[in-house]
Amino acid sequence: MLTPLEALADALTNFEGWEPESRSFRNRNPGNLRRGPSSNLTDNGGFAIYRTLELGRRDLVRDLEMKCAGNTSTGLGPRSTLRQLIEIWAPRSDGNEPEAYTNAVVAFLNRCGFHDVNEHTPLSYFQKKPVDPTKAQ
């Protein structure tokens, strides 16, 4: 079962252009992270290069966990919104369009069944654990 955080990581991977010949694909860095604990190499654009996709994915999810919990220097935390995360993740100063990025991430998450997500969704939403519908409460 996909957690909201895993779905968010998938949405970011999708928008970052996970396809052959893309930077994220070449670097095995699905989130196009600038750095991560599992990588000590960067490409000429300053993006982390990972030995394996598994390491890149793990660092992506961990980075999102830290941001959602408020454990980074970004100023993000559980009360921050998805839109605020995207503005940090893909800043306009890097040539990104945060509005379009946010809309694409929301659309992806909605298609994955997270219909209550929008640009104002707090990051605390992504800290939820999946609920197993077969187990009675």
C-alpha atoms as a PDB file:
ATOM      1  CA  MET A   1       0.000   0.000   0.000  1.00  0.00           C
ATOM      2  CA  LEU A   2       1.373   3.390  -1.015  1.00  0.00           C
ATOM      3  CA  THR A   3       1.783   5.983   1.726  1.00  0.00           C
ATOM      4  CA  PRO A   4       1.063   9.644   0.993  1.00  0.00           C
ATOM      5  CA  LEU A   5       4.796  10.342   1.305  1.00  0.00           C
ATOM      6  CA  GLU A   6       5.713   7.611  -1.192  1.00  0.00           C
ATOM      7  CA  ALA A   7       3.084   8.969  -3.582  1.00  0.00           C
ATOM      8  CA  LEU A   8       4.578  12.455  -3.197  1.00  0.00           C
ATOM      9  CA  ALA A   9       8.030  11.042  -3.983  1.00  0.00           C
ATOM     10  CA  ASP A  10       6.558   9.381  -7.087  1.00  0.00           C
ATOM     11  CA  ALA A  11       4.922  12.654  -8.137  1.00  0.00           C
ATOM     12  CA  LEU A  12       8.216  14.532  -7.824  1.00  0.00           C
ATOM     13  CA  THR A  13      10.026  11.784  -9.730  1.00  0.00           C
ATOM     14  CA  ASN A  14       7.445  12.009 -12.479  1.00  0.00           C
ATOM     15  CA  PHE A  15       7.712  15.783 -12.792  1.00  0.00           C
ATOM     16  CA  GLU A  16      11.508  15.706 -12.692  1.00  0.00           C
ATOM     17  CA  GLY A  17      11.350  13.768 -15.958  1.00  0.00           C
ATOM     18  CA  TRP A  18      12.256  10.212 -15.027  1.00  0.00           C
ATOM     19  CA  GLU A  19      13.012   8.914 -18.514  1.00  0.00           C
ATOM     20  CA  PRO A  20      16.126   7.740 -20.357  1.00  0.00           C
ATOM     21  CA  GLU A  21      18.554  10.569 -21.140  1.00  0.00           C
ATOM     22  CA  SER A  22      17.131  12.840 -18.420  1.00  0.00           C
ATOM     23  CA  ARG A  23      19.464  14.142 -15.713  1.00  0.00           C
ATOM     24  CA  SER A  24      17.508  12.386 -12.966  1.00  0.00           C
ATOM     25  CA  PHE A  25      17.658   9.073 -14.849  1.00  0.00           C
ATOM     26  CA  ARG A  26      21.388   9.339 -15.683  1.00  0.00           C
ATOM     27  CA  ASN A  27      22.228  10.223 -12.075  1.00  0.00           C
ATOM     28  CA  ARG A  28      19.871   7.594 -10.570  1.00  0.00           C
ATOM     29  CA  ASN A  29      18.494  10.586  -8.659  1.00  0.00           C
ATOM     30  CA  PRO A  30      14.689  10.511  -9.035  1.00  0.00           C
ATOM     31  CA  GLY A  31      14.167  13.751  -7.102  1.00  0.00           C
ATOM     32  CA  ASN A  32      17.082  15.657  -8.628  1.00  0.00           C
ATOM     33  CA  LEU A  33      18.490  16.241  -5.151  1.00  0.00           C
ATOM     34  CA  ARG A  34      21.493  18.543  -4.895  1.00  0.00           C
ATOM     35  CA  ARG A  35      22.998  16.318  -2.204  1.00  0.00           C
ATOM     36  CA  GLY A  36      22.112  13.358  -0.079  1.00  0.00           C
ATOM     37  CA  PRO A  37      23.696  11.195   2.601  1.00  0.00           C
ATOM     38  CA  SER A  38      24.120   8.298   0.163  1.00  0.00           C
ATOM     39  CA  SER A  39      25.964  10.290  -2.489  1.00  0.00           C
ATOM     40  CA  ASN A  40      29.241  12.172  -2.472  1.00  0.00           C
ATOM     41  CA  LEU A  41      29.374  12.864  -6.220  1.00  0.00           C
ATOM     42  CA  THR A  42      27.646  15.600  -8.212  1.00  0.00           C
ATOM     43  CA  ASP A  43      27.263  16.324 -11.908  1.00  0.00           C
ATOM     44  CA  ASN A  44      28.270  19.600 -13.565  1.00  0.00           C
ATOM     45  CA  GLY A  45      24.930  21.125 -12.509  1.00  0.00           C
ATOM     46  CA  GLY A  46      25.479  20.301  -8.850  1.00  0.00           C
ATOM     47  CA  PHE A  47      22.961  17.424  -8.703  1.00  0.00           C
ATOM     48  CA  ALA A  48      23.796  14.283  -6.720  1.00  0.00           C
ATOM     49  CA  ILE A  49      24.872  11.149  -8.573  1.00  0.00           C
ATOM     50  CA  TYR A  50      23.934   7.841  -6.936  1.00  0.00           C
ATOM     51  CA  ARG A  51      25.470   4.391  -7.391  1.00  0.00           C
ATOM     52  CA  THR A  52      21.997   2.828  -7.512  1.00  0.00           C
ATOM     53  CA  LEU A  53      18.413   3.940  -8.011  1.00  0.00           C
ATOM     54  CA  GLU A  54      17.579   2.419  -4.617  1.00  0.00           C
ATOM     55  CA  LEU A  55      19.995   4.821  -2.884  1.00  0.00           C
ATOM     56  CA  GLY A  56      18.617   7.794  -4.817  1.00  0.00           C
ATOM     57  CA  ARG A  57      15.033   6.857  -3.993  1.00  0.00           C
ATOM     58  CA  ARG A  58      15.867   6.314  -0.318  1.00  0.00           C
ATOM     59  CA  ASP A  59      17.470   9.759  -0.063  1.00  0.00           C
ATOM     60  CA  LEU A  60      14.487  11.341  -1.839  1.00  0.00           C
ATOM     61  CA  VAL A  61      12.000   9.826   0.619  1.00  0.00           C
ATOM     62  CA  ARG A  62      14.219  10.680   3.591  1.00  0.00           C
ATOM     63  CA  ASP A  63      14.586  14.282   2.418  1.00  0.00           C
ATOM     64  CA  LEU A  64      10.803  14.603   2.121  1.00  0.00           C
ATOM     65  CA  GLU A  65      10.319  13.047   5.590  1.00  0.00           C
ATOM     66  CA  MET A  66      12.725  15.576   7.076  1.00  0.00           C
ATOM     67  CA  LYS A  67      11.080  18.534   5.342  1.00  0.00           C
ATOM     68  CA  CYS A  68       7.567  17.425   6.346  1.00  0.00           C
ATOM     69  CA  ALA A  69       8.686  17.042   9.964  1.00  0.00           C
ATOM     70  CA  GLY A  70      10.452  20.412  10.057  1.00  0.00           C
ATOM     71  CA  ASN A  71      13.912  18.889  10.485  1.00  0.00           C
ATOM     72  CA  THR A  72      15.747  20.879   7.797  1.00  0.00           C
ATOM     73  CA  SER A  73      17.076  24.410   7.444  1.00  0.00           C
ATOM     74  CA  THR A  74      14.426  25.223   4.812  1.00  0.00           C
ATOM     75  CA  GLY A  75      11.893  26.548   7.314  1.00  0.00           C
ATOM     76  CA  LEU A  76       9.375  23.920   6.194  1.00  0.00           C
ATOM     77  CA  GLY A  77       7.435  21.895   8.714  1.00  0.00           C
ATOM     78  CA  PRO A  78       4.165  20.051   9.304  1.00  0.00           C
ATOM     79  CA  ARG A  79       2.090  23.234   8.924  1.00  0.00           C
ATOM     80  CA  SER A  80       3.769  24.235   5.664  1.00  0.00           C
ATOM     81  CA  THR A  81       1.765  23.602   2.516  1.00  0.00           C
ATOM     82  CA  LEU A  82       2.476  21.470  -0.511  1.00  0.00           C
ATOM     83  CA  ARG A  83       2.855  24.690  -2.499  1.00  0.00           C
ATOM     84  CA  GLN A  84       5.491  25.960  -0.055  1.00  0.00           C
ATOM     85  CA  LEU A  85       7.381  22.667  -0.376  1.00  0.00           C
ATOM     86  CA  ILE A  86       7.416  22.965  -4.160  1.00  0.00           C
ATOM     87  CA  GLU A  87       8.610  26.577  -3.982  1.00  0.00           C
ATOM     88  CA  ILE A  88      11.618  25.311  -1.986  1.00  0.00           C
ATOM     89  CA  TRP A  89      12.039  22.112  -4.019  1.00  0.00           C
ATOM     90  CA  ALA A  90      11.920  23.764  -7.435  1.00  0.00           C
ATOM     91  CA  PRO A  91      12.571  27.475  -6.927  1.00  0.00           C
ATOM     92  CA  ARG A  92      11.865  30.040  -9.587  1.00  0.00           C
ATOM     93  CA  SER A  93      15.500  31.170  -9.212  1.00  0.00           C
ATOM     94  CA  ASP A  94      16.549  27.825 -10.765  1.00  0.00           C
ATOM     95  CA  GLY A  95      14.343  28.454 -13.798  1.00  0.00           C
ATOM     96  CA  ASN A  96      11.392  26.435 -12.479  1.00  0.00           C
ATOM     97  CA  GLU A  97       7.719  27.345 -12.543  1.00  0.00           C
ATOM     98  CA  PRO A  98       6.465  26.478  -9.051  1.00  0.00           C
ATOM     99  CA  GLU A  99       2.801  26.976  -9.985  1.00  0.00           C
ATOM    100  CA  ALA A 100       2.967  24.511 -12.887  1.00  0.00           C
ATOM    101  CA  TYR A 101       5.057  22.085 -10.813  1.00  0.00           C
ATOM    102  CA  THR A 102       2.549  22.248  -7.933  1.00  0.00           C
ATOM    103  CA  ASN A 103      -0.401  21.718 -10.276  1.00  0.00           C
ATOM    104  CA  ALA A 104       1.292  18.695 -11.851  1.00  0.00           C
ATOM    105  CA  VAL A 105       2.100  17.171  -8.446  1.00  0.00           C
ATOM    106  CA  VAL A 106      -1.479  17.706  -7.225  1.00  0.00           C
ATOM    107  CA  ALA A 107      -2.887  16.144 -10.419  1.00  0.00           C
ATOM    108  CA  PHE A 108      -0.552  13.134 -10.055  1.00  0.00           C
ATOM    109  CA  LEU A 109      -1.528  12.617  -6.412  1.00  0.00           C
ATOM    110  CA  ASN A 110      -5.231  12.943  -7.261  1.00  0.00           C
ATOM    111  CA  ARG A 111      -4.824  10.275  -9.984  1.00  0.00           C
ATOM    112  CA  CYS A 112      -3.173   8.021  -7.374  1.00  0.00           C
ATOM    113  CA  GLY A 113      -6.287   8.210  -5.227  1.00  0.00           C
ATOM    114  CA  PHE A 114      -5.279  11.046  -2.918  1.00  0.00           C
ATOM    115  CA  HIS A 115      -8.316  13.105  -3.940  1.00  0.00           C
ATOM    116  CA  ASP A 116      -8.208  15.432  -0.949  1.00  0.00           C
ATOM    117  CA  VAL A 117      -4.769  16.850  -1.841  1.00  0.00           C
ATOM    118  CA  ASN A 118      -4.454  20.380  -3.188  1.00  0.00           C
ATOM    119  CA  GLU A 119      -1.810  23.096  -3.116  1.00  0.00           C
ATOM    120  CA  HIS A 120      -2.863  24.101   0.419  1.00  0.00           C
ATOM    121  CA  THR A 121      -2.552  20.594   1.875  1.00  0.00           C
ATOM    122  CA  PRO A 122      -0.287  20.757   4.946  1.00  0.00           C
ATOM    123  CA  LEU A 123       2.861  18.672   4.923  1.00  0.00           C
ATOM    124  CA  SER A 124       1.582  16.865   8.023  1.00  0.00           C
ATOM    125  CA  TYR A 125      -0.774  15.045   5.613  1.00  0.00           C
ATOM    126  CA  PHE A 126       2.226  13.290   4.056  1.00  0.00           C
ATOM    127  CA  GLN A 127       3.378  11.993   7.440  1.00  0.00           C
ATOM    128  CA  LYS A 128       0.334   9.717   7.637  1.00  0.00           C
ATOM    129  CA  LYS A 129       0.812   5.985   7.561  1.00  0.00           C
ATOM    130  CA  PRO A 130      -1.399   3.861   5.323  1.00  0.00           C
ATOM    131  CA  VAL A 131      -4.432   2.257   6.886  1.00  0.00           C
ATOM    132  CA  ASP A 132      -4.997  -1.417   6.187  1.00  0.00           C
ATOM    133  CA  PRO A 133      -8.732  -1.704   5.390  1.00  0.00           C
ATOM    134  CA  THR A 134      -8.716  -5.421   6.321  1.00  0.00           C
ATOM    135  CA  LYS A 135      -7.977  -4.642   9.976  1.00  0.00           C
ATOM    136  CA  ALA A 136     -10.933  -3.518  12.053  1.00  0.00           C
ATOM    137  CA  GLN A 137     -10.421  -0.582  14.393  1.00  0.00           C
END
